[in-house]
Amino acid sequence: MAKARRQEALRITLTRSPIGTPKSHRVWLRGLGLRRIRHTVVRPNTSQVQGLIHKLSYMITVEKVT
């Protein structure tokens, strides 16, 4: 029987205001579940989430959850 792999999680926090950013960046923030400054969400470490993190890296901070 194969062991289930425990997937890493990422804690993502919005640190800058999305005011003045392109509309697509605001839509991506909503896709991550971030609504306001200092709002934190926990998301699985998948390639889709990493792509969003790469696009929004100038306005969010990311930490690994252990």
N, C-alpha and C. Protein backbone atom coordinates (compact mmCIF):
# COMPACT_ATOMS: atom_id res chain seq x y z
N MET A 1 0.84 -1.17 0.00
CA MET A 1 0.00 0.00 0.00
C MET A 1 0.89 1.24 0.00
N ALA A 2 0.58 2.18 -0.86
CA ALA A 2 1.38 3.40 -0.99
C ALA A 2 1.00 4.39 0.11
N LYS A 3 2.01 5.07 0.62
CA LYS A 3 1.74 6.10 1.63
C LYS A 3 1.22 7.36 0.95
N ALA A 4 0.30 8.02 1.61
CA ALA A 4 -0.20 9.29 1.09
C ALA A 4 0.83 10.37 1.37
N ARG A 5 1.18 11.14 0.34
CA ARG A 5 2.14 12.22 0.51
C ARG A 5 1.45 13.42 1.13
N ARG A 6 2.10 13.99 2.10
CA ARG A 6 1.57 15.20 2.71
C ARG A 6 2.05 16.38 1.88
N GLN A 7 1.10 17.14 1.37
CA GLN A 7 1.45 18.26 0.51
C GLN A 7 1.79 19.49 1.36
N GLU A 8 2.82 20.20 0.96
CA GLU A 8 3.19 21.42 1.66
C GLU A 8 2.12 22.48 1.45
N ALA A 9 2.04 23.38 2.41
CA ALA A 9 1.11 24.49 2.29
C ALA A 9 1.89 25.79 2.37
N LEU A 10 1.31 26.83 1.82
CA LEU A 10 1.92 28.16 1.82
C LEU A 10 0.98 29.14 2.51
N ARG A 11 1.55 29.99 3.36
CA ARG A 11 0.78 31.06 3.99
C ARG A 11 1.06 32.33 3.20
N ILE A 12 0.02 32.89 2.59
CA ILE A 12 0.15 34.05 1.71
C ILE A 12 -0.53 35.24 2.37
N THR A 13 0.18 36.37 2.44
CA THR A 13 -0.35 37.58 3.08
C THR A 13 -0.26 38.74 2.10
N LEU A 14 -1.34 39.49 1.99
CA LEU A 14 -1.36 40.70 1.15
C LEU A 14 -0.71 41.83 1.93
N THR A 15 0.35 42.43 1.38
CA THR A 15 1.10 43.47 2.09
C THR A 15 0.96 44.85 1.46
N ARG A 16 0.54 44.92 0.21
CA ARG A 16 0.36 46.22 -0.46
C ARG A 16 -1.05 46.33 -0.99
N SER A 17 -1.53 47.54 -1.12
CA SER A 17 -2.86 47.78 -1.63
C SER A 17 -2.93 47.50 -3.13
N PRO A 18 -4.00 46.87 -3.59
CA PRO A 18 -4.16 46.64 -5.03
C PRO A 18 -4.67 47.87 -5.80
N ILE A 19 -4.88 48.99 -5.11
CA ILE A 19 -5.34 50.19 -5.79
C ILE A 19 -4.25 50.64 -6.77
N GLY A 20 -4.62 50.90 -8.00
CA GLY A 20 -3.68 51.36 -9.01
C GLY A 20 -2.98 50.24 -9.75
N THR A 21 -3.32 48.99 -9.44
CA THR A 21 -2.72 47.86 -10.15
C THR A 21 -3.63 47.47 -11.31
N PRO A 22 -3.13 46.72 -12.27
CA PRO A 22 -3.98 46.27 -13.37
C PRO A 22 -5.15 45.43 -12.86
N LYS A 23 -6.26 45.49 -13.55
CA LYS A 23 -7.46 44.77 -13.13
C LYS A 23 -7.19 43.27 -13.03
N SER A 24 -6.36 42.73 -13.93
CA SER A 24 -6.08 41.30 -13.88
C SER A 24 -5.39 40.92 -12.57
N HIS A 25 -4.55 41.79 -12.02
CA HIS A 25 -3.88 41.50 -10.75
C HIS A 25 -4.89 41.47 -9.62
N ARG A 26 -5.88 42.36 -9.65
CA ARG A 26 -6.92 42.35 -8.62
C ARG A 26 -7.76 41.08 -8.71
N VAL A 27 -8.01 40.61 -9.93
CA VAL A 27 -8.76 39.37 -10.12
C VAL A 27 -7.96 38.19 -9.58
N TRP A 28 -6.66 38.17 -9.82
CA TRP A 28 -5.82 37.07 -9.32
C TRP A 28 -5.77 37.07 -7.80
N LEU A 29 -5.76 38.26 -7.18
CA LEU A 29 -5.81 38.32 -5.72
C LEU A 29 -7.08 37.69 -5.19
N ARG A 30 -8.19 37.99 -5.83
CA ARG A 30 -9.47 37.39 -5.41
C ARG A 30 -9.44 35.88 -5.61
N GLY A 31 -8.76 35.43 -6.67
CA GLY A 31 -8.62 34.01 -6.91
C GLY A 31 -7.85 33.30 -5.81
N LEU A 32 -6.88 33.99 -5.23
CA LEU A 32 -6.15 33.43 -4.10
C LEU A 32 -6.94 33.53 -2.80
N GLY A 33 -7.97 34.38 -2.78
CA GLY A 33 -8.78 34.55 -1.58
C GLY A 33 -8.37 35.73 -0.73
N LEU A 34 -7.51 36.60 -1.26
CA LEU A 34 -7.04 37.77 -0.51
C LEU A 34 -7.98 38.94 -0.76
N ARG A 35 -8.46 39.56 0.31
CA ARG A 35 -9.45 40.61 0.19
C ARG A 35 -8.95 41.97 0.63
N ARG A 36 -8.11 42.02 1.66
CA ARG A 36 -7.69 43.31 2.20
C ARG A 36 -6.24 43.21 2.68
N ILE A 37 -5.64 44.34 2.97
CA ILE A 37 -4.24 44.37 3.41
C ILE A 37 -4.13 43.62 4.74
N ARG A 38 -3.05 42.86 4.89
CA ARG A 38 -2.74 42.00 6.04
C ARG A 38 -3.69 40.82 6.17
N HIS A 39 -4.46 40.52 5.14
CA HIS A 39 -5.29 39.32 5.13
C HIS A 39 -4.40 38.14 4.75
N THR A 40 -4.52 37.03 5.48
CA THR A 40 -3.67 35.87 5.26
C THR A 40 -4.53 34.67 4.92
N VAL A 41 -4.09 33.89 3.93
CA VAL A 41 -4.75 32.65 3.56
C VAL A 41 -3.70 31.55 3.48
N VAL A 42 -4.14 30.31 3.60
CA VAL A 42 -3.25 29.16 3.46
C VAL A 42 -3.70 28.40 2.22
N ARG A 43 -2.78 28.18 1.31
CA ARG A 43 -3.07 27.50 0.05
C ARG A 43 -2.07 26.36 -0.15
N PRO A 44 -2.46 25.31 -0.86
CA PRO A 44 -1.53 24.22 -1.15
C PRO A 44 -0.44 24.69 -2.11
N ASN A 45 0.71 24.06 -2.02
CA ASN A 45 1.85 24.43 -2.87
C ASN A 45 1.73 23.69 -4.20
N THR A 46 0.92 24.25 -5.11
CA THR A 46 0.74 23.67 -6.44
C THR A 46 1.34 24.60 -7.48
N SER A 47 1.47 24.10 -8.69
CA SER A 47 2.04 24.93 -9.74
C SER A 47 1.13 26.12 -10.09
N GLN A 48 -0.18 25.94 -9.97
CA GLN A 48 -1.10 27.05 -10.25
C GLN A 48 -0.92 28.17 -9.23
N VAL A 49 -0.83 27.80 -7.97
CA VAL A 49 -0.66 28.80 -6.92
C VAL A 49 0.71 29.47 -7.05
N GLN A 50 1.73 28.71 -7.39
CA GLN A 50 3.05 29.30 -7.56
C GLN A 50 3.08 30.29 -8.72
N GLY A 51 2.33 30.02 -9.78
CA GLY A 51 2.24 30.97 -10.89
C GLY A 51 1.61 32.28 -10.47
N LEU A 52 0.54 32.21 -9.65
CA LEU A 52 -0.09 33.43 -9.15
C LEU A 52 0.86 34.18 -8.22
N ILE A 53 1.59 33.44 -7.40
CA ILE A 53 2.55 34.07 -6.49
C ILE A 53 3.63 34.80 -7.29
N HIS A 54 4.08 34.20 -8.36
CA HIS A 54 5.10 34.83 -9.20
C HIS A 54 4.59 36.14 -9.80
N LYS A 55 3.34 36.14 -10.27
CA LYS A 55 2.77 37.35 -10.87
C LYS A 55 2.56 38.46 -9.85
N LEU A 56 2.21 38.09 -8.61
CA LEU A 56 1.84 39.07 -7.60
C LEU A 56 2.92 39.27 -6.54
N SER A 57 4.13 38.86 -6.82
CA SER A 57 5.19 38.86 -5.81
C SER A 57 5.49 40.25 -5.24
N TYR A 58 5.17 41.30 -5.96
CA TYR A 58 5.48 42.65 -5.49
C TYR A 58 4.48 43.14 -4.44
N MET A 59 3.39 42.42 -4.22
CA MET A 59 2.39 42.88 -3.26
C MET A 59 2.01 41.84 -2.21
N ILE A 60 2.66 40.69 -2.20
CA ILE A 60 2.36 39.65 -1.21
C ILE A 60 3.64 39.13 -0.57
N THR A 61 3.48 38.50 0.58
CA THR A 61 4.58 37.76 1.20
C THR A 61 4.14 36.30 1.35
N VAL A 62 5.11 35.39 1.24
CA VAL A 62 4.81 33.96 1.26
C VAL A 62 5.70 33.28 2.29
N GLU A 63 5.09 32.40 3.10
CA GLU A 63 5.84 31.59 4.06
C GLU A 63 5.39 30.15 3.93
N LYS A 64 6.30 29.22 4.19
CA LYS A 64 5.94 27.81 4.20
C LYS A 64 5.31 27.48 5.54
N VAL A 65 4.25 26.69 5.50
CA VAL A 65 3.59 26.22 6.72
C VAL A 65 4.14 24.86 7.04
N THR A 66 4.59 24.67 8.28
CA THR A 66 5.14 23.37 8.66
C THR A 66 4.16 22.56 9.45
